[in-house]
Amino acid sequence: MDELEKASIKAAEFLKRGSEYLEKGDYDNAIADCNEAIRLTFDDDFDAFVYFVRGIAYSNKKDYDNAIADFNKIIRLDPSHDLIIAYIGEDAYFNRGIAYSNKKDYGNAIGDFTEVIRLNPNNEGAYFHRGFAYIDKKDYDHAIGDFTEVIRLNPNNEGAYFHRGIAYTNKKDYDNAIADFEASLKINPNNAVPKKILDSIRKSKGVQECLSPSRSFSAGG
């Protein structure tokens, strides 16, 4: 066995242990092992896995800049020469989008989730998180569109109904908001948050109806 083979085996051991540290929530040791794995190899396929594990560890530590840098490295690899990199590439865009969202860089987040959807039009999570980003940008129409797509893909997604209800509420489309919060509660009757919002909307809506000309007394009454 030559030195290159020995280094490759050792690098694989570091990656395996780093992945185990990541699963345990020991992000510092996960990052340290990934650093060693990268130092020992020069193989794009292998490095893509290492950057991915290290990027997730950085993201979980809320070190979003370093996380984004690692996902960038994966995305820059040519996806055409290996299906492994192509597969990780989808997840790299997704997780970079999450990191951008956590940095409140919603424009780049939306761009990454859009790329995930281009690569996999049935990626429920990409529509969901892009909907989040649109809500944060106050682009409620696009948010509603994305949460509607999540519901099409998964009619039992409680969160999609809830957050579409939030978007409708911000548009003052209270009838659709009520319908969505009720749908959310039907899936999870124990969630107190939509109950509170529903009570608030109904009270507000009732006040508005009572004050509307069609419901008020005439001046001569």
Protein backbone atom coordinates (compact mmCIF):
# COMPACT_ATOMS: atom_id res chain seq x y z
CA MET A 1 0.00 0.00 0.00
CA ASP A 2 1.49 3.32 -1.04
CA GLU A 3 1.35 6.59 0.90
CA LEU A 4 -1.53 7.96 -1.19
CA GLU A 5 -3.69 4.92 -0.41
CA LYS A 6 -2.83 5.19 3.29
CA ALA A 7 -3.79 8.86 3.30
CA SER A 8 -7.09 8.09 1.57
CA ILE A 9 -7.97 5.43 4.14
CA LYS A 10 -7.08 7.77 6.99
CA ALA A 11 -9.13 10.56 5.43
CA ALA A 12 -12.14 8.24 5.18
CA GLU A 13 -11.75 7.42 8.87
CA PHE A 14 -11.74 11.12 9.75
CA LEU A 15 -14.86 11.70 7.63
CA LYS A 16 -16.67 8.77 9.26
CA ARG A 17 -15.81 9.98 12.75
CA GLY A 18 -16.63 13.57 11.82
CA SER A 19 -20.06 12.47 10.57
CA GLU A 20 -20.63 10.64 13.86
CA TYR A 21 -19.65 13.77 15.80
CA LEU A 22 -22.10 15.76 13.68
CA GLU A 23 -24.95 13.36 14.52
CA LYS A 24 -24.10 13.68 18.21
CA GLY A 25 -24.13 17.48 18.04
CA ASP A 26 -20.39 17.78 18.70
CA TYR A 27 -19.82 20.30 15.94
CA ASP A 28 -16.33 21.44 16.91
CA ASN A 29 -14.92 17.93 16.71
CA ALA A 30 -16.85 17.29 13.52
CA ILE A 31 -15.21 20.33 11.96
CA ALA A 32 -11.76 19.33 13.23
CA ASP A 33 -12.06 15.84 11.71
CA CYS A 34 -13.29 17.26 8.41
CA ASN A 35 -10.29 19.59 8.34
CA GLU A 36 -8.00 16.58 8.67
CA ALA A 37 -9.87 14.66 5.97
CA ILE A 38 -9.54 17.58 3.55
CA ARG A 39 -5.83 17.93 4.35
CA LEU A 40 -5.20 14.30 3.43
CA THR A 41 -6.99 14.04 0.07
CA PHE A 42 -7.31 15.77 -3.29
CA ASP A 43 -10.34 13.90 -4.64
CA ASP A 44 -13.35 16.02 -5.67
CA ASP A 45 -15.91 13.29 -4.99
CA PHE A 46 -14.60 12.67 -1.50
CA ASP A 47 -14.10 16.36 -0.75
CA ALA A 48 -17.72 17.09 -1.69
CA PHE A 49 -18.88 14.84 1.14
CA VAL A 50 -16.41 16.40 3.58
CA TYR A 51 -17.40 19.96 2.71
CA PHE A 52 -21.04 18.99 3.11
CA VAL A 53 -20.55 17.54 6.60
CA ARG A 54 -18.40 20.50 7.66
CA GLY A 55 -20.88 22.97 6.16
CA ILE A 56 -23.74 21.45 8.16
CA ALA A 57 -21.61 21.57 11.31
CA TYR A 58 -20.80 25.24 10.74
CA SER A 59 -24.45 25.99 10.06
CA ASN A 60 -25.53 24.25 13.27
CA LYS A 61 -22.98 26.38 15.13
CA LYS A 62 -24.66 29.44 13.53
CA ASP A 63 -21.37 30.16 11.72
CA TYR A 64 -23.25 30.87 8.51
CA ASP A 65 -20.40 32.54 6.63
CA ASN A 66 -18.18 29.46 6.88
CA ALA A 67 -21.15 27.22 6.12
CA ILE A 68 -21.86 29.18 2.95
CA ALA A 69 -18.19 29.00 1.99
CA ASP A 70 -18.25 25.18 2.24
CA PHE A 71 -21.47 24.86 0.25
CA ASN A 72 -19.92 27.19 -2.34
CA LYS A 73 -17.03 24.74 -2.74
CA ILE A 74 -19.44 21.90 -3.53
CA ILE A 75 -21.46 24.01 -5.95
CA ARG A 76 -18.30 25.06 -7.81
CA LEU A 77 -17.40 21.43 -8.50
CA ASP A 78 -18.41 20.32 -11.97
CA PRO A 79 -21.58 18.22 -11.44
CA SER A 80 -21.40 16.63 -14.88
CA HIS A 81 -18.59 14.20 -14.13
CA ASP A 82 -20.08 12.42 -11.15
CA LEU A 83 -23.60 11.63 -9.94
CA ILE A 84 -22.48 11.85 -6.31
CA ILE A 85 -21.55 15.52 -6.70
CA ALA A 86 -24.78 16.15 -8.61
CA TYR A 87 -26.76 14.69 -5.71
CA ILE A 88 -24.88 16.61 -3.04
CA GLY A 89 -25.19 19.73 -5.17
CA GLU A 90 -28.96 19.80 -4.67
CA ASP A 91 -28.51 19.55 -0.91
CA ALA A 92 -25.73 22.13 -1.03
CA TYR A 93 -28.05 24.69 -2.64
CA PHE A 94 -30.77 23.85 -0.12
CA ASN A 95 -28.52 24.17 2.93
CA ARG A 96 -26.85 27.30 1.57
CA GLY A 97 -30.35 28.72 1.16
CA ILE A 98 -31.06 27.95 4.82
CA ALA A 99 -27.82 29.67 5.83
CA TYR A 100 -28.67 32.74 3.72
CA SER A 101 -32.14 32.84 5.31
CA ASN A 102 -30.58 32.75 8.78
CA LYS A 103 -28.39 35.69 7.74
CA LYS A 104 -31.60 37.47 6.58
CA ASP A 105 -30.21 37.48 3.04
CA TYR A 106 -33.57 36.54 1.59
CA GLY A 107 -32.74 37.36 -2.01
CA ASN A 108 -29.90 34.83 -2.16
CA ALA A 109 -31.94 32.34 -0.15
CA ILE A 110 -34.78 32.54 -2.67
CA GLY A 111 -32.26 32.09 -5.50
CA ASP A 112 -30.89 28.90 -3.92
CA PHE A 113 -34.30 27.39 -3.19
CA THR A 114 -35.33 28.21 -6.76
CA GLU A 115 -32.29 26.29 -8.02
CA VAL A 116 -33.22 23.31 -5.84
CA ILE A 117 -36.71 23.36 -7.36
CA ARG A 118 -35.20 23.48 -10.85
CA LEU A 119 -33.11 20.41 -10.02
CA ASN A 120 -35.99 18.66 -8.27
CA PRO A 121 -39.48 20.11 -8.86
CA ASN A 122 -40.93 17.88 -6.14
CA ASN A 123 -38.69 19.13 -3.35
CA GLU A 124 -41.30 20.03 -0.73
CA GLY A 125 -38.75 21.59 1.62
CA ALA A 126 -37.49 24.02 -1.02
CA TYR A 127 -40.98 25.37 -1.67
CA PHE A 128 -41.60 25.59 2.07
CA HIS A 129 -38.44 27.52 2.90
CA ARG A 130 -38.77 29.74 -0.16
CA GLY A 131 -42.26 30.56 1.10
CA PHE A 132 -40.72 31.54 4.43
CA ALA A 133 -38.26 33.82 2.67
CA TYR A 134 -41.04 35.44 0.64
CA ILE A 135 -42.99 36.13 3.84
CA ASP A 136 -39.89 37.75 5.35
CA LYS A 137 -39.64 39.91 2.21
CA LYS A 138 -43.36 40.73 2.60
CA ASP A 139 -44.00 39.19 -0.83
CA TYR A 140 -47.17 37.48 0.29
CA ASP A 141 -48.49 36.51 -3.14
CA HIS A 142 -45.38 34.47 -3.95
CA ALA A 143 -45.41 33.01 -0.43
CA ILE A 144 -49.00 31.87 -0.93
CA GLY A 145 -48.00 30.27 -4.24
CA ASP A 146 -45.17 28.33 -2.63
CA PHE A 147 -47.20 27.08 0.34
CA THR A 148 -49.96 26.08 -2.08
CA GLU A 149 -47.39 23.97 -3.93
CA VAL A 150 -46.30 22.37 -0.63
CA ILE A 151 -49.92 21.46 0.07
CA ARG A 152 -50.24 19.96 -3.41
CA LEU A 153 -47.19 17.80 -2.74
CA ASN A 154 -48.21 16.98 0.82
CA PRO A 155 -51.83 17.73 1.80
CA ASN A 156 -51.05 16.88 5.44
CA ASN A 157 -48.36 19.53 5.87
CA GLU A 158 -49.74 21.45 8.84
CA GLY A 159 -47.09 24.16 8.62
CA ALA A 160 -47.92 24.98 5.00
CA TYR A 161 -51.55 25.70 5.87
CA PHE A 162 -50.48 27.71 8.90
CA HIS A 163 -47.95 29.86 7.08
CA ARG A 164 -50.20 30.36 4.07
CA GLY A 165 -52.75 31.55 6.62
CA ILE A 166 -50.16 34.03 7.91
CA ALA A 167 -49.60 35.33 4.37
CA TYR A 168 -53.35 35.68 3.80
CA THR A 169 -53.69 37.49 7.14
CA ASN A 170 -50.99 39.98 6.14
CA LYS A 171 -52.92 40.58 2.92
CA LYS A 172 -56.07 41.11 5.03
CA ASP A 173 -57.69 38.22 3.18
CA TYR A 174 -59.27 36.97 6.38
CA ASP A 175 -61.67 34.43 4.89
CA ASN A 176 -58.85 32.46 3.26
CA ALA A 177 -56.72 32.92 6.38
CA ILE A 178 -59.47 31.44 8.56
CA ALA A 179 -59.86 28.49 6.19
CA ASP A 180 -56.13 27.76 6.34
CA PHE A 181 -55.84 28.04 10.13
CA GLU A 182 -58.84 25.71 10.45
CA ALA A 183 -57.16 23.25 8.07
CA SER A 184 -53.99 23.44 10.15
CA LEU A 185 -55.98 22.70 13.30
CA LYS A 186 -57.73 19.79 11.65
CA ILE A 187 -54.32 18.18 11.12
CA ASN A 188 -53.05 19.10 14.59
CA PRO A 189 -55.88 20.04 16.99
CA ASN A 190 -53.42 20.51 19.87
CA ASN A 191 -51.58 23.48 18.33
CA ALA A 192 -52.60 26.50 20.39
CA VAL A 193 -51.07 29.11 18.06
CA PRO A 194 -53.58 28.92 15.18
CA LYS A 195 -56.38 28.83 17.75
CA LYS A 196 -55.24 32.15 19.19
CA ILE A 197 -54.83 33.70 15.75
CA LEU A 198 -58.27 32.47 14.69
CA ASP A 199 -59.87 34.01 17.80
CA SER A 200 -58.09 37.29 17.11
CA ILE A 201 -59.13 37.37 13.44
CA ARG A 202 -62.74 36.50 14.22
CA LYS A 203 -62.98 39.20 16.86
CA SER A 204 -61.40 41.76 14.54
CA LYS A 205 -63.56 40.64 11.64
CA GLY A 206 -66.68 40.82 13.80
CA VAL A 207 -65.87 44.38 14.86
CA GLN A 208 -65.28 45.38 11.24
CA GLU A 209 -68.61 43.86 10.16
CA CYS A 210 -70.49 45.58 12.97
CA LEU A 211 -69.01 48.93 11.94
CA SER A 212 -69.70 48.47 8.23
CA PRO A 213 -72.55 50.56 6.72
CA SER A 214 -74.62 47.48 5.94
CA ARG A 215 -74.62 46.45 9.62
CA SER A 216 -75.02 49.86 11.29
CA PHE A 217 -78.17 51.70 12.21
CA SER A 218 -79.35 54.41 9.81
CA ALA A 219 -78.99 58.02 10.90
CA GLY A 220 -82.73 58.32 11.36
CA GLY A 221 -83.11 55.06 13.32
